Amino acid sequence: MRIYGFALLPLLAFSGNSLADGFPTEETVRFVLNCMAELGAQTDENLYTCICKHDVIAKSMSYEEYEGAMTFERNQEMPGDRGGFVRDNKLAKEDDKKLQKARIEADAQCPVVKHVKRPPVTKQN
């Protein structure tokens, strides 16, 4: 397995896209690394897919909306009054709906590319 985590940091730190979309570089790197882990490995194919997904989501919503949706997603199952504060937050629910829609769009626009190896060529007599 190749490790790309440290290789991503300089790449994303100097990319104009990650600065232009309002998402902090640290969050961009975290998103891409988590996405690659979900896809099963840190490979070039998964790297391109996950960067594409991040770009689609970043174009669909602001970082503040994304942050609200992620907070809602992480904490909506919390029991008691604390959980109620999260579950009853209308703005967070709207942000979550927007994130879910952006994820569907990202999945449609950013297919997971699998590297296909050709079978060895055998000589026929």
Protein backbone atom coordinates (compact mmCIF):
# COMPACT_ATOMS: atom_id res chain seq x y z
CA MET A 1 0.00 0.00 0.00
CA ARG A 2 1.30 3.43 -0.88
CA ILE A 3 1.09 6.26 1.61
CA TYR A 4 0.04 9.56 0.02
CA GLY A 5 -0.93 11.52 3.13
CA PHE A 6 2.27 13.53 3.37
CA ALA A 7 2.47 13.90 -0.39
CA LEU A 8 -0.97 15.52 -0.42
CA LEU A 9 -0.09 18.27 2.02
CA PRO A 10 2.25 20.31 -0.22
CA LEU A 11 0.08 19.62 -3.25
CA LEU A 12 -3.07 20.92 -1.61
CA ALA A 13 -1.36 23.67 0.37
CA PHE A 14 -0.33 25.42 -2.82
CA SER A 15 -3.33 24.60 -4.97
CA GLY A 16 -5.35 27.65 -5.89
CA ASN A 17 -8.56 25.64 -5.88
CA SER A 18 -8.40 24.72 -2.22
CA LEU A 19 -7.86 28.37 -1.30
CA ALA A 20 -10.41 29.75 -3.73
CA ASP A 21 -13.32 27.58 -2.59
CA GLY A 22 -13.17 28.81 1.01
CA PHE A 23 -12.40 25.38 2.47
CA PRO A 24 -9.32 25.32 4.71
CA THR A 25 -6.48 23.22 3.33
CA GLU A 26 -6.53 21.02 6.43
CA GLU A 27 -10.21 20.17 5.85
CA THR A 28 -9.57 19.46 2.18
CA VAL A 29 -6.75 17.04 3.03
CA ARG A 30 -8.86 15.40 5.75
CA PHE A 31 -11.79 14.98 3.33
CA VAL A 32 -9.58 13.42 0.65
CA LEU A 33 -7.81 11.04 3.06
CA ASN A 34 -11.11 9.91 4.62
CA CYS A 35 -12.64 9.44 1.17
CA MET A 36 -9.67 7.36 0.02
CA ALA A 37 -9.94 5.20 3.16
CA GLU A 38 -13.65 4.63 2.42
CA LEU A 39 -12.74 3.56 -1.11
CA GLY A 40 -10.28 1.03 0.30
CA ALA A 41 -6.79 2.35 -0.38
CA GLN A 42 -4.59 5.35 -0.99
CA THR A 43 -4.14 4.92 -4.73
CA ASP A 44 -3.83 7.37 -7.58
CA GLU A 45 -7.25 6.37 -8.88
CA ASN A 46 -8.90 7.01 -5.50
CA LEU A 47 -6.99 10.27 -5.10
CA TYR A 48 -8.42 11.66 -8.34
CA THR A 49 -11.93 10.46 -7.47
CA CYS A 50 -11.83 12.01 -4.00
CA ILE A 51 -10.43 15.35 -5.18
CA CYS A 52 -13.22 15.45 -7.75
CA LYS A 53 -15.82 14.73 -5.06
CA HIS A 54 -14.40 17.47 -2.83
CA ASP A 55 -14.51 19.97 -5.70
CA VAL A 56 -18.15 19.14 -6.50
CA ILE A 57 -19.17 19.55 -2.86
CA ALA A 58 -17.16 22.77 -2.48
CA LYS A 59 -18.90 24.24 -5.52
CA SER A 60 -22.31 23.27 -4.12
CA MET A 61 -21.98 24.81 -0.67
CA SER A 62 -19.88 27.15 1.43
CA TYR A 63 -17.48 25.87 4.05
CA GLU A 64 -19.75 27.19 6.79
CA GLU A 65 -22.68 25.17 5.40
CA TYR A 66 -20.46 22.09 5.07
CA GLU A 67 -19.20 22.48 8.63
CA GLY A 68 -22.78 22.81 9.94
CA ALA A 69 -23.88 19.73 8.01
CA MET A 70 -20.94 17.68 9.27
CA THR A 71 -21.62 18.75 12.86
CA PHE A 72 -25.28 17.78 12.44
CA GLU A 73 -24.29 14.43 10.92
CA ARG A 74 -21.84 13.59 13.72
CA ASN A 75 -24.11 14.64 16.58
CA GLN A 76 -27.69 13.91 15.53
CA GLU A 77 -27.69 10.56 17.35
CA MET A 78 -26.57 12.11 20.64
CA PRO A 79 -29.12 11.32 23.36
CA GLY A 80 -30.82 13.79 25.67
CA ASP A 81 -31.00 17.56 25.62
CA ARG A 82 -27.66 17.96 23.90
CA GLY A 83 -28.80 15.78 21.05
CA GLY A 84 -32.11 17.62 20.92
CA PHE A 85 -30.29 20.89 20.39
CA VAL A 86 -28.64 19.39 17.30
CA ARG A 87 -31.71 17.51 16.03
CA ASP A 88 -33.98 20.54 16.37
CA ASN A 89 -31.64 22.92 14.56
CA LYS A 90 -33.46 23.84 11.32
CA LEU A 91 -30.43 25.50 9.73
CA ALA A 92 -28.29 22.41 10.35
CA LYS A 93 -31.01 20.22 8.81
CA GLU A 94 -31.04 22.44 5.71
CA ASP A 95 -27.26 22.27 5.48
CA ASP A 96 -27.42 18.48 5.86
CA LYS A 97 -29.95 18.21 3.01
CA LYS A 98 -27.69 20.37 0.86
CA LEU A 99 -24.69 18.15 1.69
CA GLN A 100 -26.62 14.97 0.87
CA LYS A 101 -27.63 16.44 -2.49
CA ALA A 102 -24.02 17.50 -3.16
CA ARG A 103 -22.78 13.99 -2.31
CA ILE A 104 -25.22 12.44 -4.77
CA GLU A 105 -24.05 14.87 -7.43
CA ALA A 106 -20.40 14.14 -6.59
CA ASP A 107 -20.98 10.38 -6.84
CA ALA A 108 -22.56 10.88 -10.26
CA GLN A 109 -19.81 13.17 -11.56
CA CYS A 110 -16.79 11.40 -10.03
CA PRO A 111 -16.75 7.70 -10.80
CA VAL A 112 -14.26 5.46 -9.07
CA VAL A 113 -11.74 4.53 -11.74
CA LYS A 114 -10.29 1.08 -11.46
CA HIS A 115 -6.98 0.29 -13.05
CA VAL A 116 -7.61 -2.60 -15.38
CA LYS A 117 -4.68 -4.87 -16.16
CA ARG A 118 -4.58 -6.57 -19.49
CA PRO A 119 -4.27 -10.32 -19.44
CA PRO A 120 -0.90 -11.59 -20.60
CA VAL A 121 -0.64 -12.20 -24.32
CA THR A 122 -0.05 -15.83 -25.20
CA LYS A 123 1.43 -16.95 -28.46
CA GLN A 124 -0.69 -19.24 -30.53
CA ASN A 125 1.01 -21.78 -32.78
